[in-house]
């Protein structure tokens, strides 16, 4: 399950209270850019298919290819080596880089 950042949780609480008040008591709340839903980073060397699919843009097929690549070539030494998988472009890698790690 995804974990909500503390700022986002506060925002949800404020919005819930604001929506439960009458229209005459509505408040304007600005969402800070850092209040995003996040998941813990995933170790691409130990993650199974299900865990890999928690990463955005990684579906069932790509997750299976990552596992097969790992079994065939050994563990990834750097997160950037994930781009050796067909279907993970430089652009896609940059979008998910903050969500993956290699231990």
PDB file of N, CA and C in Angstrom:
ATOM      1  N   UNK A   1       0.838  -1.175   0.000  1.00  0.00           N
ATOM      2  CA  UNK A   1       0.000   0.000   0.000  1.00  0.00           C
ATOM      3  C   UNK A   1       0.882   1.237   0.000  1.00  0.00           C
ATOM      4  N   UNK A   2       0.436   2.242  -0.674  1.00  0.00           N
ATOM      5  CA  UNK A   2       1.237   3.450  -0.760  1.00  0.00           C
ATOM      6  C   UNK A   2       1.121   4.259   0.518  1.00  0.00           C
ATOM      7  N   UNK A   3       2.225   4.898   0.863  1.00  0.00           N
ATOM      8  CA  UNK A   3       2.260   5.719   2.066  1.00  0.00           C
ATOM      9  C   UNK A   3       2.110   7.178   1.663  1.00  0.00           C
ATOM     10  N   UNK A   4       1.265   7.900   2.366  1.00  0.00           N
ATOM     11  CA  UNK A   4       1.064   9.316   2.077  1.00  0.00           C
ATOM     12  C   UNK A   4       2.082  10.137   2.832  1.00  0.00           C
ATOM     13  N   UNK A   5       2.592  11.173   2.169  1.00  0.00           N
ATOM     14  CA  UNK A   5       3.484  12.099   2.840  1.00  0.00           C
ATOM     15  C   UNK A   5       2.720  12.865   3.910  1.00  0.00           C
ATOM     16  N   UNK A   6       3.404  13.323   4.930  1.00  0.00           N
ATOM     17  CA  UNK A   6       2.726  13.993   6.043  1.00  0.00           C
ATOM     18  C   UNK A   6       2.053  15.287   5.597  1.00  0.00           C
ATOM     19  N   UNK A   7       2.655  16.034   4.678  1.00  0.00           N
ATOM     20  CA  UNK A   7       2.033  17.269   4.206  1.00  0.00           C
ATOM     21  C   UNK A   7       0.748  16.961   3.449  1.00  0.00           C
ATOM     22  N   UNK A   8       0.772  15.881   2.659  1.00  0.00           N
ATOM     23  CA  UNK A   8      -0.423  15.508   1.910  1.00  0.00           C
ATOM     24  C   UNK A   8      -1.516  15.048   2.855  1.00  0.00           C
ATOM     25  N   UNK A   9      -1.173  14.331   3.915  1.00  0.00           N
ATOM     26  CA  UNK A   9      -2.162  13.883   4.895  1.00  0.00           C
ATOM     27  C   UNK A   9      -2.808  15.088   5.577  1.00  0.00           C
ATOM     28  N   UNK A  10      -2.025  16.110   5.905  1.00  0.00           N
ATOM     29  CA  UNK A  10      -2.566  17.326   6.509  1.00  0.00           C
ATOM     30  C   UNK A  10      -3.510  18.014   5.518  1.00  0.00           C
ATOM     31  N   UNK A  11      -3.112  18.066   4.269  1.00  0.00           N
ATOM     32  CA  UNK A  11      -3.962  18.661   3.238  1.00  0.00           C
ATOM     33  C   UNK A  11      -5.298  17.925   3.162  1.00  0.00           C
ATOM     34  N   UNK A  12      -5.278  16.588   3.164  1.00  0.00           N
ATOM     35  CA  UNK A  12      -6.524  15.820   3.122  1.00  0.00           C
ATOM     36  C   UNK A  12      -7.401  16.119   4.327  1.00  0.00           C
ATOM     37  N   UNK A  13      -6.790  16.241   5.496  1.00  0.00           N
ATOM     38  CA  UNK A  13      -7.547  16.553   6.703  1.00  0.00           C
ATOM     39  C   UNK A  13      -8.201  17.930   6.593  1.00  0.00           C
ATOM     40  N   UNK A  14      -7.463  18.904   6.124  1.00  0.00           N
ATOM     41  CA  UNK A  14      -7.995  20.259   5.967  1.00  0.00           C
ATOM     42  C   UNK A  14      -9.141  20.261   4.962  1.00  0.00           C
ATOM     43  N   UNK A  15      -8.962  19.552   3.850  1.00  0.00           N
ATOM     44  CA  UNK A  15     -10.006  19.517   2.828  1.00  0.00           C
ATOM     45  C   UNK A  15     -11.253  18.808   3.339  1.00  0.00           C
ATOM     46  N   UNK A  16     -11.086  17.769   4.136  1.00  0.00           N
ATOM     47  CA  UNK A  16     -12.235  17.058   4.698  1.00  0.00           C
ATOM     48  C   UNK A  16     -13.017  17.979   5.622  1.00  0.00           C
ATOM     49  N   UNK A  17     -12.316  18.690   6.494  1.00  0.00           N
ATOM     50  CA  UNK A  17     -12.978  19.618   7.409  1.00  0.00           C
ATOM     51  C   UNK A  17     -13.639  20.748   6.624  1.00  0.00           C
ATOM     52  N   UNK A  18     -12.958  21.273   5.622  1.00  0.00           N
ATOM     53  CA  UNK A  18     -13.503  22.370   4.827  1.00  0.00           C
ATOM     54  C   UNK A  18     -14.756  21.933   4.084  1.00  0.00           C
ATOM     55  N   UNK A  19     -14.759  20.730   3.571  1.00  0.00           N
ATOM     56  CA  UNK A  19     -15.920  20.238   2.829  1.00  0.00           C
ATOM     57  C   UNK A  19     -17.087  19.910   3.742  1.00  0.00           C
ATOM     58  N   UNK A  20     -16.831  19.610   5.006  1.00  0.00           N
ATOM     59  CA  UNK A  20     -17.923  19.292   5.924  1.00  0.00           C
ATOM     60  C   UNK A  20     -18.598  20.550   6.462  1.00  0.00           C
ATOM     61  N   UNK A  21     -17.928  21.689   6.337  1.00  0.00           N
ATOM     62  CA  UNK A  21     -18.520  22.957   6.771  1.00  0.00           C
ATOM     63  C   UNK A  21     -19.511  23.431   5.709  1.00  0.00           C
ATOM     64  N   UNK A  22     -20.391  24.308   6.092  1.00  0.00           N
ATOM     65  CA  UNK A  22     -21.320  24.895   5.139  1.00  0.00           C
ATOM     66  C   UNK A  22     -20.568  25.716   4.108  1.00  0.00           C
ATOM     67  N   UNK A  23     -21.239  26.035   3.004  1.00  0.00           N
ATOM     68  CA  UNK A  23     -20.575  26.772   1.931  1.00  0.00           C
ATOM     69  C   UNK A  23     -20.102  28.147   2.387  1.00  0.00           C
ATOM     70  N   UNK A  24     -20.729  28.719   3.401  1.00  0.00           N
ATOM     71  CA  UNK A  24     -20.305  30.024   3.880  1.00  0.00           C
ATOM     72  C   UNK A  24     -18.986  29.963   4.642  1.00  0.00           C
ATOM     73  N   UNK A  25     -18.529  28.769   5.001  1.00  0.00           N
ATOM     74  CA  UNK A  25     -17.289  28.618   5.760  1.00  0.00           C
ATOM     75  C   UNK A  25     -16.184  27.947   4.957  1.00  0.00           C
ATOM     76  N   UNK A  26     -16.325  27.908   3.669  1.00  0.00           N
ATOM     77  CA  UNK A  26     -15.298  27.238   2.845  1.00  0.00           C
ATOM     78  C   UNK A  26     -13.987  28.020   2.922  1.00  0.00           C
ATOM     79  N   UNK A  27     -12.901  27.303   2.933  1.00  0.00           N
ATOM     80  CA  UNK A  27     -11.593  27.939   2.985  1.00  0.00           C
ATOM     81  C   UNK A  27     -10.796  27.594   1.730  1.00  0.00           C
ATOM     82  N   UNK A  28      -9.911  28.466   1.352  1.00  0.00           N
ATOM     83  CA  UNK A  28      -9.033  28.244   0.221  1.00  0.00           C
ATOM     84  C   UNK A  28      -7.740  27.635   0.751  1.00  0.00           C
ATOM     85  N   UNK A  29      -7.361  26.501   0.198  1.00  0.00           N
ATOM     86  CA  UNK A  29      -6.138  25.834   0.618  1.00  0.00           C
ATOM     87  C   UNK A  29      -5.282  25.607  -0.612  1.00  0.00           C
ATOM     88  N   UNK A  30      -4.028  26.009  -0.530  1.00  0.00           N
ATOM     89  CA  UNK A  30      -3.099  25.798  -1.628  1.00  0.00           C
ATOM     90  C   UNK A  30      -2.262  24.561  -1.333  1.00  0.00           C
ATOM     91  N   UNK A  31      -2.149  23.679  -2.325  1.00  0.00           N
ATOM     92  CA  UNK A  31      -1.381  22.445  -2.147  1.00  0.00           C
ATOM     93  C   UNK A  31       0.080  22.740  -2.438  1.00  0.00           C
ATOM     94  N   UNK A  32       0.949  22.468  -1.472  1.00  0.00           N
ATOM     95  CA  UNK A  32       2.371  22.681  -1.727  1.00  0.00           C
ATOM     96  C   UNK A  32       2.879  21.671  -2.751  1.00  0.00           C
ATOM     97  N   UNK A  33       3.829  22.054  -3.612  1.00  0.00           N
ATOM     98  CA  UNK A  33       4.314  21.150  -4.642  1.00  0.00           C
ATOM     99  C   UNK A  33       4.949  19.881  -4.089  1.00  0.00           C
ATOM    100  N   UNK A  34       5.450  19.926  -2.865  1.00  0.00           N
ATOM    101  CA  UNK A  34       6.104  18.748  -2.298  1.00  0.00           C
ATOM    102  C   UNK A  34       5.114  17.756  -1.702  1.00  0.00           C
ATOM    103  N   UNK A  35       3.831  18.071  -1.696  1.00  0.00           N
ATOM    104  CA  UNK A  35       2.822  17.190  -1.111  1.00  0.00           C
ATOM    105  C   UNK A  35       2.324  16.223  -2.175  1.00  0.00           C
ATOM    106  N   UNK A  36       3.112  15.203  -2.422  1.00  0.00           N
ATOM    107  CA  UNK A  36       2.765  14.211  -3.427  1.00  0.00           C
ATOM    108  C   UNK A  36       2.625  12.857  -2.766  1.00  0.00           C
ATOM    109  N   UNK A  37       1.858  11.994  -3.408  1.00  0.00           N
ATOM    110  CA  UNK A  37       1.776  10.616  -2.945  1.00  0.00           C
ATOM    111  C   UNK A  37       3.090   9.942  -3.317  1.00  0.00           C
ATOM    112  N   UNK A  38       3.690   9.257  -2.380  1.00  0.00           N
ATOM    113  CA  UNK A  38       4.957   8.609  -2.673  1.00  0.00           C
ATOM    114  C   UNK A  38       4.955   7.181  -2.167  1.00  0.00           C
ATOM    115  N   UNK A  39       5.825   6.400  -2.748  1.00  0.00           N
ATOM    116  CA  UNK A  39       6.042   5.051  -2.265  1.00  0.00           C
ATOM    117  C   UNK A  39       7.492   4.962  -1.839  1.00  0.00           C
ATOM    118  N   UNK A  40       7.785   4.010  -0.988  1.00  0.00           N
ATOM    119  CA  UNK A  40       9.179   3.812  -0.610  1.00  0.00           C
ATOM    120  C   UNK A  40       9.950   3.377  -1.849  1.00  0.00           C
ATOM    121  N   UNK A  41      11.219   3.715  -1.896  1.00  0.00           N
ATOM    122  CA  UNK A  41      12.011   3.287  -3.042  1.00  0.00           C
ATOM    123  C   UNK A  41      12.127   1.766  -3.032  1.00  0.00           C
ATOM    124  N   UNK A  42      12.209   1.215  -4.214  1.00  0.00           N
ATOM    125  CA  UNK A  42      12.206  -0.237  -4.386  1.00  0.00           C
ATOM    126  C   UNK A  42      13.568  -0.676  -4.886  1.00  0.00           C
ATOM    127  N   UNK A  43      14.138  -1.680  -4.237  1.00  0.00           N
ATOM    128  CA  UNK A  43      15.413  -2.246  -4.669  1.00  0.00           C
ATOM    129  C   UNK A  43      15.142  -3.135  -5.876  1.00  0.00           C
ATOM    130  N   UNK A  44      15.630  -2.726  -7.036  1.00  0.00           N
ATOM    131  CA  UNK A  44      15.334  -3.466  -8.256  1.00  0.00           C
ATOM    132  C   UNK A  44      16.087  -4.793  -8.341  1.00  0.00           C
ATOM    133  N   UNK A  45      17.018  -5.035  -7.424  1.00  0.00           N
ATOM    134  CA  UNK A  45      17.721  -6.313  -7.410  1.00  0.00           C
ATOM    135  C   UNK A  45      17.016  -7.379  -6.578  1.00  0.00           C
ATOM    136  N   UNK A  46      16.142  -6.965  -5.684  1.00  0.00           N
ATOM    137  CA  UNK A  46      15.478  -7.955  -4.826  1.00  0.00           C
ATOM    138  C   UNK A  46      13.964  -7.966  -5.000  1.00  0.00           C
ATOM    139  N   UNK A  47      13.422  -6.994  -5.700  1.00  0.00           N
ATOM    140  CA  UNK A  47      11.964  -6.891  -5.850  1.00  0.00           C
ATOM    141  C   UNK A  47      11.427  -8.012  -6.743  1.00  0.00           C
ATOM    142  N   UNK A  48      10.256  -8.519  -6.371  1.00  0.00           N
ATOM    143  CA  UNK A  48       9.591  -9.511  -7.213  1.00  0.00           C
ATOM    144  C   UNK A  48       8.715  -8.781  -8.233  1.00  0.00           C
ATOM    145  N   UNK A  49       8.028  -9.550  -9.088  1.00  0.00           N
ATOM    146  CA  UNK A  49       7.184  -8.946 -10.131  1.00  0.00           C
ATOM    147  C   UNK A  49       6.160  -7.983  -9.551  1.00  0.00           C
ATOM    148  N   UNK A  50       5.506  -8.379  -8.475  1.00  0.00           N
ATOM    149  CA  UNK A  50       4.465  -7.550  -7.872  1.00  0.00           C
ATOM    150  C   UNK A  50       5.041  -6.224  -7.376  1.00  0.00           C
ATOM    151  N   UNK A  51       6.173  -6.285  -6.683  1.00  0.00           N
ATOM    152  CA  UNK A  51       6.798  -5.056  -6.169  1.00  0.00           C
ATOM    153  C   UNK A  51       7.256  -4.140  -7.303  1.00  0.00           C
ATOM    154  N   UNK A  52       7.803  -4.719  -8.361  1.00  0.00           N
ATOM    155  CA  UNK A  52       8.249  -3.910  -9.492  1.00  0.00           C
ATOM    156  C   UNK A  52       7.080  -3.201 -10.164  1.00  0.00           C
ATOM    157  N   UNK A  53       5.918  -3.823 -10.165  1.00  0.00           N
ATOM    158  CA  UNK A  53       4.742  -3.220 -10.790  1.00  0.00           C
ATOM    159  C   UNK A  53       4.193  -2.047  -9.983  1.00  0.00           C
ATOM    160  N   UNK A  54       4.656  -1.865  -8.767  1.00  0.00           N
ATOM    161  CA  UNK A  54       4.269  -0.696  -7.972  1.00  0.00           C
ATOM    162  C   UNK A  54       4.934   0.572  -8.491  1.00  0.00           C
ATOM    163  N   UNK A  55       5.986   0.418  -9.292  1.00  0.00           N
ATOM    164  CA  UNK A  55       6.685   1.560  -9.876  1.00  0.00           C
ATOM    165  C   UNK A  55       5.869   2.034 -11.075  1.00  0.00           C
ATOM    166  N   UNK A  56       5.600   3.330 -11.163  1.00  0.00           N
ATOM    167  CA  UNK A  56       4.851   3.838 -12.316  1.00  0.00           C
ATOM    168  C   UNK A  56       5.528   3.445 -13.632  1.00  0.00           C
ATOM    169  N   UNK A  57       4.720   3.154 -14.626  1.00  0.00           N
ATOM    170  CA  UNK A  57       5.165   2.783 -15.977  1.00  0.00           C
ATOM    171  C   UNK A  57       5.760   1.379 -16.062  1.00  0.00           C
ATOM    172  N   UNK A  58       5.825   0.656 -14.963  1.00  0.00           N
ATOM    173  CA  UNK A  58       6.323  -0.723 -14.996  1.00  0.00           C
ATOM    174  C   UNK A  58       5.114  -1.638 -14.862  1.00  0.00           C
ATOM    175  N   UNK A  59       4.757  -2.249 -15.956  1.00  0.00           N
ATOM    176  CA  UNK A  59       3.632  -3.169 -15.946  1.00  0.00           C
ATOM    177  C   UNK A  59       4.105  -4.599 -15.790  1.00  0.00           C
ATOM    178  N   UNK A  60       3.193  -5.510 -16.018  1.00  0.00           N
ATOM    179  CA  UNK A  60       3.493  -6.935 -15.855  1.00  0.00           C
ATOM    180  C   UNK A  60       4.623  -7.394 -16.774  1.00  0.00           C
ATOM    181  N   UNK A  61       4.588  -6.955 -18.035  1.00  0.00           N
ATOM    182  CA  UNK A  61       5.591  -7.374 -19.011  1.00  0.00           C
ATOM    183  C   UNK A  61       6.982  -6.854 -18.653  1.00  0.00           C
ATOM    184  N   UNK A  62       7.083  -5.558 -18.354  1.00  0.00           N
ATOM    185  CA  UNK A  62       8.396  -4.995 -18.002  1.00  0.00           C
ATOM    186  C   UNK A  62       8.938  -5.580 -16.702  1.00  0.00           C
ATOM    187  N   UNK A  63       8.056  -5.817 -15.741  1.00  0.00           N
ATOM    188  CA  UNK A  63       8.494  -6.419 -14.476  1.00  0.00           C
ATOM    189  C   UNK A  63       9.086  -7.796 -14.731  1.00  0.00           C
ATOM    190  N   UNK A  64       8.430  -8.570 -15.566  1.00  0.00           N
ATOM    191  CA  UNK A  64       8.945  -9.908 -15.893  1.00  0.00           C
ATOM    192  C   UNK A  64      10.284  -9.814 -16.620  1.00  0.00           C
ATOM    193  N   UNK A  65      10.417  -8.851 -17.521  1.00  0.00           N
ATOM    194  CA  UNK A  65      11.686  -8.677 -18.239  1.00  0.00           C
ATOM    195  C   UNK A  65      12.815  -8.270 -17.291  1.00  0.00           C
ATOM    196  N   UNK A  66      12.504  -7.449 -16.295  1.00  0.00           N
ATOM    197  CA  UNK A  66      13.522  -7.047 -15.317  1.00  0.00           C
ATOM    198  C   UNK A  66      14.001  -8.259 -14.532  1.00  0.00           C
ATOM    199  N   UNK A  67      13.075  -9.103 -14.095  1.00  0.00           N
ATOM    200  CA  UNK A  67      13.442 -10.294 -13.324  1.00  0.00           C
ATOM    201  C   UNK A  67      14.272 -11.248 -14.182  1.00  0.00           C
ATOM    202  N   UNK A  68      13.868 -11.475 -15.432  1.00  0.00           N
ATOM    203  CA  UNK A  68      14.610 -12.368 -16.330  1.00  0.00           C
ATOM    204  C   UNK A  68      15.998 -11.806 -16.597  1.00  0.00           C
ATOM    205  N   UNK A  69      16.105 -10.497 -16.814  1.00  0.00           N
ATOM    206  CA  UNK A  69      17.400  -9.860 -17.054  1.00  0.00           C
ATOM    207  C   UNK A  69      18.318 -10.066 -15.856  1.00  0.00           C
ATOM    208  N   UNK A  70      17.758  -9.887 -14.659  1.00  0.00           N
ATOM    209  CA  UNK A  70      18.533 -10.077 -13.424  1.00  0.00           C
ATOM    210  C   UNK A  70      19.037 -11.502 -13.299  1.00  0.00           C
ATOM    211  N   UNK A  71      18.179 -12.460 -13.608  1.00  0.00           N
ATOM    212  CA  UNK A  71      18.562 -13.869 -13.502  1.00  0.00           C
ATOM    213  C   UNK A  71      19.639 -14.227 -14.523  1.00  0.00           C
ATOM    214  N   UNK A  72      19.552 -13.632 -15.694  1.00  0.00           N
ATOM    215  CA  UNK A  72      20.492 -13.946 -16.773  1.00  0.00           C
ATOM    216  C   UNK A  72      21.837 -13.247 -16.607  1.00  0.00           C
ATOM    217  N   UNK A  73      21.820 -11.967 -16.169  1.00  0.00           N
ATOM    218  CA  UNK A  73      23.037 -11.159 -16.137  1.00  0.00           C
ATOM    219  C   UNK A  73      23.530 -10.810 -14.739  1.00  0.00           C
ATOM    220  N   UNK A  74      22.805 -11.206 -13.728  1.00  0.00           N
ATOM    221  CA  UNK A  74      23.189 -10.862 -12.364  1.00  0.00           C
ATOM    222  C   UNK A  74      22.546  -9.554 -11.928  1.00  0.00           C
ATOM    223  N   UNK A  75      22.815  -9.135 -10.708  1.00  0.00           N
ATOM    224  CA  UNK A  75      22.164  -7.930 -10.169  1.00  0.00           C
ATOM    225  C   UNK A  75      22.617  -6.661 -10.895  1.00  0.00           C
ATOM    226  N   UNK A  76      21.757  -5.670 -10.868  1.00  0.00           N
ATOM    227  CA  UNK A  76      22.093  -4.362 -11.427  1.00  0.00           C
ATOM    228  C   UNK A  76      23.114  -3.711 -10.503  1.00  0.00           C
ATOM    229  N   UNK A  77      24.162  -3.136 -11.060  1.00  0.00           N
ATOM    230  CA  UNK A  77      25.165  -2.459 -10.242  1.00  0.00           C
ATOM    231  C   UNK A  77      24.800  -1.000 -10.003  1.00  0.00           C
ATOM    232  N   UNK A  78      24.084  -0.406 -10.946  1.00  0.00           N
ATOM    233  CA  UNK A  78      23.640   0.984 -10.834  1.00  0.00           C
ATOM    234  C   UNK A  78      22.194   1.074 -11.301  1.00  0.00           C
ATOM    235  N   UNK A  79      21.410   1.988 -10.745  1.00  0.00           N
ATOM    236  CA  UNK A  79      20.023   2.140 -11.199  1.00  0.00           C
ATOM    237  C   UNK A  79      19.925   2.436 -12.700  1.00  0.00           C
ATOM    238  N   UNK A  80      20.903   3.146 -13.250  1.00  0.00           N
ATOM    239  CA  UNK A  80      20.898   3.504 -14.661  1.00  0.00           C
ATOM    240  C   UNK A  80      20.926   2.282 -15.572  1.00  0.00           C
ATOM    241  N   UNK A  81      21.423   1.162 -15.062  1.00  0.00           N
ATOM    242  CA  UNK A  81      21.472  -0.059 -15.864  1.00  0.00           C
ATOM    243  C   UNK A  81      20.087  -0.601 -16.179  1.00  0.00           C
ATOM    244  N   UNK A  82      19.091  -0.092 -15.511  1.00  0.00           N
ATOM    245  CA  UNK A  82      17.712  -0.476 -15.813  1.00  0.00           C
ATOM    246  C   UNK A  82      17.351  -0.097 -17.254  1.00  0.00           C
ATOM    247  N   UNK A  83      18.043   0.888 -17.812  1.00  0.00           N
ATOM    248  CA  UNK A  83      17.772   1.303 -19.189  1.00  0.00           C
ATOM    249  C   UNK A  83      18.236   0.263 -20.207  1.00  0.00           C
ATOM    250  N   UNK A  84      18.920  -0.779 -19.754  1.00  0.00           N
ATOM    251  CA  UNK A  84      19.279  -1.870 -20.650  1.00  0.00           C
ATOM    252  C   UNK A  84      18.067  -2.732 -21.001  1.00  0.00           C
ATOM    253  N   UNK A  85      16.994  -2.583 -20.249  1.00  0.00           N
ATOM    254  CA  UNK A  85      15.761  -3.325 -20.496  1.00  0.00           C
ATOM    255  C   UNK A  85      15.020  -2.646 -21.647  1.00  0.00           C
ATOM    256  N   UNK A  86      14.649  -3.438 -22.641  1.00  0.00           N
ATOM    257  CA  UNK A  86      13.884  -2.901 -23.765  1.00  0.00           C
ATOM    258  C   UNK A  86      12.537  -2.387 -23.253  1.00  0.00           C
ATOM    259  N   UNK A  87      12.243  -1.130 -23.504  1.00  0.00           N
ATOM    260  CA  UNK A  87      11.001  -0.524 -23.026  1.00  0.00           C
ATOM    261  C   UNK A  87      11.219   0.505 -21.938  1.00  0.00           C
ATOM    262  N   UNK A  88      12.432   0.584 -21.411  1.00  0.00           N
ATOM    263  CA  UNK A  88      12.735   1.612 -20.406  1.00  0.00           C
ATOM    264  C   UNK A  88      13.696   2.605 -21.048  1.00  0.00           C
ATOM    265  N   UNK A  89      13.115   3.688 -21.523  1.00  0.00           N
ATOM    266  CA  UNK A  89      13.890   4.722 -22.192  1.00  0.00           C
ATOM    267  C   UNK A  89      14.526   5.646 -21.162  1.00  0.00           C
ATOM    268  N   UNK A  90      15.377   6.527 -21.664  1.00  0.00           N
ATOM    269  CA  UNK A  90      16.000   7.526 -20.794  1.00  0.00           C
ATOM    270  C   UNK A  90      14.928   8.380 -20.127  1.00  0.00           C
ATOM    271  N   UNK A  91      13.930   8.772 -20.886  1.00  0.00           N
ATOM    272  CA  UNK A  91      12.861   9.613 -20.340  1.00  0.00           C
ATOM    273  C   UNK A  91      12.081   8.872 -19.249  1.00  0.00           C
ATOM    274  N   UNK A  92      11.719   7.639 -19.509  1.00  0.00           N
ATOM    275  CA  UNK A  92      10.976   6.863 -18.509  1.00  0.00           C
ATOM    276  C   UNK A  92      11.832   6.655 -17.267  1.00  0.00           C
ATOM    277  N   UNK A  93      13.115   6.378 -17.468  1.00  0.00           N
ATOM    278  CA  UNK A  93      14.007   6.187 -16.323  1.00  0.00           C
ATOM    279  C   UNK A  93      14.064   7.440 -15.460  1.00  0.00           C
ATOM    280  N   UNK A  94      14.181   8.611 -16.077  1.00  0.00           N
ATOM    281  CA  UNK A  94      14.241   9.854 -15.314  1.00  0.00           C
ATOM    282  C   UNK A  94      12.970  10.078 -14.498  1.00  0.00           C
ATOM    283  N   UNK A  95      11.838   9.595 -14.995  1.00  0.00           N
ATOM    284  CA  UNK A  95      10.580   9.774 -14.270  1.00  0.00           C
ATOM    285  C   UNK A  95      10.462   8.847 -13.060  1.00  0.00           C
ATOM    286  N   UNK A  96      11.166   7.726 -13.086  1.00  0.00           N
ATOM    287  CA  UNK A  96      11.045   6.762 -11.974  1.00  0.00           C
ATOM    288  C   UNK A  96      12.305   6.683 -11.124  1.00  0.00           C
ATOM    289  N   UNK A  97      13.344   7.398 -11.491  1.00  0.00           N
ATOM    290  CA  UNK A  97      14.634   7.280 -10.799  1.00  0.00           C
ATOM    291  C   UNK A  97      14.525   7.457  -9.294  1.00  0.00           C
ATOM    292  N   UNK A  98      13.716   8.388  -8.845  1.00  0.00           N
ATOM    293  CA  UNK A  98      13.590   8.664  -7.415  1.00  0.00           C
ATOM    294  C   UNK A  98      12.874   7.532  -6.660  1.00  0.00           C
ATOM    295  N   UNK A  99      12.300   6.588  -7.378  1.00  0.00           N
ATOM    296  CA  UNK A  99      11.551   5.502  -6.744  1.00  0.00           C
ATOM    297  C   UNK A  99      12.315   4.191  -6.675  1.00  0.00           C
ATOM    298  N   UNK A 100      13.506   4.152  -7.278  1.00  0.00           N
ATOM    299  CA  UNK A 100      14.249   2.893  -7.307  1.00  0.00           C
ATOM    300  C   UNK A 100      15.608   3.057  -6.647  1.00  0.00           C
ATOM    301  N   UNK A 101      16.151   1.914  -6.230  1.00  0.00           N
ATOM    302  CA  UNK A 101      17.496   1.911  -5.662  1.00  0.00           C
ATOM    303  C   UNK A 101      18.147   0.568  -5.947  1.00  0.00           C
ATOM    304  N   UNK A 102      19.453   0.524  -5.777  1.00  0.00           N
ATOM    305  CA  UNK A 102      20.223  -0.697  -5.931  1.00  0.00           C
ATOM    306  C   UNK A 102      21.073  -0.845  -4.681  1.00  0.00           C
ATOM    307  N   UNK A 103      20.880  -1.916  -3.952  1.00  0.00           N
ATOM    308  CA  UNK A 103      21.687  -2.157  -2.736  1.00  0.00           C
ATOM    309  C   UNK A 103      22.689  -3.248  -2.980  1.00  0.00           C
TER     310      UNK A 103
END
